[in-house]
Amino acid sequence: MEQIRTKIRKWGNSFGVIIPSHVVASQNLKEGSELELTIHPKDKMSVADVLELARKFRLKKKRDTQKILDEMDRELWPEGE
């Protein structure tokens, strides 16, 4: 078993990951080999993540950060859901 860190890349209309050649060799992987993937979500958001969400929800730029975060919370996690 190998543990690697890699990035998701866009291929046409899909996404994929690159498996380093040393892992392919050590695990004797071939085209068509089946793998089991475990996804670990990010626990923290960077400032860039927050700004990207602000752009996504078209939030006004000239407000204090807490108001923006509160609005994002309401959009992403509405009460009662």
C-alpha atoms as a PDB file:
ATOM      1  CA  MET A   1       0.000   0.000   0.000  1.00  0.00           C
ATOM      2  CA  GLU A   2       1.281   3.460  -0.939  1.00  0.00           C
ATOM      3  CA  GLN A   3       0.104   6.837   0.242  1.00  0.00           C
ATOM      4  CA  ILE A   4       0.636   9.758  -2.118  1.00  0.00           C
ATOM      5  CA  ARG A   5      -0.471  13.357  -2.385  1.00  0.00           C
ATOM      6  CA  THR A   6      -1.451  14.542  -5.852  1.00  0.00           C
ATOM      7  CA  LYS A   7      -3.595  17.197  -7.512  1.00  0.00           C
ATOM      8  CA  ILE A   8      -6.767  16.747  -9.506  1.00  0.00           C
ATOM      9  CA  ARG A   9      -6.328  17.764 -13.150  1.00  0.00           C
ATOM     10  CA  LYS A  10      -8.897  18.470 -15.823  1.00  0.00           C
ATOM     11  CA  TRP A  11      -9.036  16.096 -18.814  1.00  0.00           C
ATOM     12  CA  GLY A  12     -11.724  17.146 -21.280  1.00  0.00           C
ATOM     13  CA  ASN A  13     -15.012  17.228 -19.341  1.00  0.00           C
ATOM     14  CA  SER A  14     -13.647  14.979 -16.587  1.00  0.00           C
ATOM     15  CA  PHE A  15     -11.091  15.132 -13.803  1.00  0.00           C
ATOM     16  CA  GLY A  16      -8.261  12.728 -13.055  1.00  0.00           C
ATOM     17  CA  VAL A  17      -5.194  12.245 -10.914  1.00  0.00           C
ATOM     18  CA  ILE A  18      -1.626  11.399 -11.882  1.00  0.00           C
ATOM     19  CA  ILE A  19      -0.044   8.430 -10.136  1.00  0.00           C
ATOM     20  CA  PRO A  20       3.738   8.871  -9.893  1.00  0.00           C
ATOM     21  CA  SER A  21       5.749   6.340 -11.916  1.00  0.00           C
ATOM     22  CA  HIS A  22       7.556   4.989  -8.842  1.00  0.00           C
ATOM     23  CA  VAL A  23       4.166   4.047  -7.331  1.00  0.00           C
ATOM     24  CA  VAL A  24       3.044   2.451 -10.608  1.00  0.00           C
ATOM     25  CA  ALA A  25       6.230   0.377 -10.660  1.00  0.00           C
ATOM     26  CA  SER A  26       6.257  -0.574  -6.970  1.00  0.00           C
ATOM     27  CA  GLN A  27       2.589  -1.620  -7.016  1.00  0.00           C
ATOM     28  CA  ASN A  28       2.825  -3.293 -10.435  1.00  0.00           C
ATOM     29  CA  LEU A  29      -0.097  -1.202 -11.732  1.00  0.00           C
ATOM     30  CA  LYS A  30      -1.309  -1.581 -15.297  1.00  0.00           C
ATOM     31  CA  GLU A  31      -3.906   0.212 -17.385  1.00  0.00           C
ATOM     32  CA  GLY A  32      -7.275  -1.000 -16.134  1.00  0.00           C
ATOM     33  CA  SER A  33      -5.994  -1.831 -12.623  1.00  0.00           C
ATOM     34  CA  GLU A  34      -8.598  -1.084  -9.969  1.00  0.00           C
ATOM     35  CA  LEU A  35      -7.711   1.264  -7.128  1.00  0.00           C
ATOM     36  CA  GLU A  36      -9.506   2.294  -3.997  1.00  0.00           C
ATOM     37  CA  LEU A  37      -9.362   6.029  -3.312  1.00  0.00           C
ATOM     38  CA  THR A  38      -9.982   7.683   0.051  1.00  0.00           C
ATOM     39  CA  ILE A  39     -10.804  11.396  -0.105  1.00  0.00           C
ATOM     40  CA  HIS A  40      -9.847  13.559   2.866  1.00  0.00           C
ATOM     41  CA  PRO A  41     -11.652  16.913   2.715  1.00  0.00           C
ATOM     42  CA  LYS A  42      -9.792  20.071   3.577  1.00  0.00           C
ATOM     43  CA  ASP A  43     -10.328  20.980   7.214  1.00  0.00           C
ATOM     44  CA  LYS A  44      -9.353  24.614   6.797  1.00  0.00           C
ATOM     45  CA  MET A  45     -10.049  27.324   4.275  1.00  0.00           C
ATOM     46  CA  SER A  46      -7.374  29.654   3.030  1.00  0.00           C
ATOM     47  CA  VAL A  47      -7.994  33.334   2.360  1.00  0.00           C
ATOM     48  CA  ALA A  48      -7.956  32.470  -1.354  1.00  0.00           C
ATOM     49  CA  ASP A  49     -10.724  29.888  -0.727  1.00  0.00           C
ATOM     50  CA  VAL A  50     -12.835  32.500   1.079  1.00  0.00           C
ATOM     51  CA  LEU A  51     -12.306  35.069  -1.689  1.00  0.00           C
ATOM     52  CA  GLU A  52     -13.206  32.492  -4.346  1.00  0.00           C
ATOM     53  CA  LEU A  53     -16.449  31.700  -2.521  1.00  0.00           C
ATOM     54  CA  ALA A  54     -17.158  35.430  -2.207  1.00  0.00           C
ATOM     55  CA  ARG A  55     -16.728  35.784  -5.990  1.00  0.00           C
ATOM     56  CA  LYS A  56     -18.881  32.714  -6.579  1.00  0.00           C
ATOM     57  CA  PHE A  57     -21.732  34.168  -4.555  1.00  0.00           C
ATOM     58  CA  ARG A  58     -21.074  37.677  -5.960  1.00  0.00           C
ATOM     59  CA  LEU A  59     -20.653  39.178  -2.511  1.00  0.00           C
ATOM     60  CA  LYS A  60     -19.880  42.861  -2.301  1.00  0.00           C
ATOM     61  CA  LYS A  61     -16.193  43.571  -1.724  1.00  0.00           C
ATOM     62  CA  LYS A  62     -16.471  46.591   0.577  1.00  0.00           C
ATOM     63  CA  ARG A  63     -17.835  44.925   3.690  1.00  0.00           C
ATOM     64  CA  ASP A  64     -16.054  43.650   6.728  1.00  0.00           C
ATOM     65  CA  THR A  65     -14.874  40.072   6.659  1.00  0.00           C
ATOM     66  CA  GLN A  66     -17.275  38.849   9.355  1.00  0.00           C
ATOM     67  CA  LYS A  67     -20.307  40.058   7.396  1.00  0.00           C
ATOM     68  CA  ILE A  68     -19.045  38.267   4.286  1.00  0.00           C
ATOM     69  CA  LEU A  69     -18.429  35.049   6.259  1.00  0.00           C
ATOM     70  CA  ASP A  70     -21.896  35.292   7.849  1.00  0.00           C
ATOM     71  CA  GLU A  71     -23.520  35.675   4.431  1.00  0.00           C
ATOM     72  CA  MET A  72     -21.543  32.732   3.088  1.00  0.00           C
ATOM     73  CA  ASP A  73     -22.662  30.633   6.071  1.00  0.00           C
ATOM     74  CA  ARG A  74     -26.297  31.497   5.315  1.00  0.00           C
ATOM     75  CA  GLU A  75     -25.844  30.585   1.627  1.00  0.00           C
ATOM     76  CA  LEU A  76     -23.932  27.359   2.222  1.00  0.00           C
ATOM     77  CA  TRP A  77     -25.707  26.081   5.325  1.00  0.00           C
ATOM     78  CA  PRO A  78     -29.254  27.494   5.515  1.00  0.00           C
ATOM     79  CA  GLU A  79     -30.966  27.092   8.870  1.00  0.00           C
ATOM     80  CA  GLY A  80     -33.300  24.154   9.154  1.00  0.00           C
ATOM     81  CA  GLU A  81     -31.376  21.929   6.740  1.00  0.00           C
END
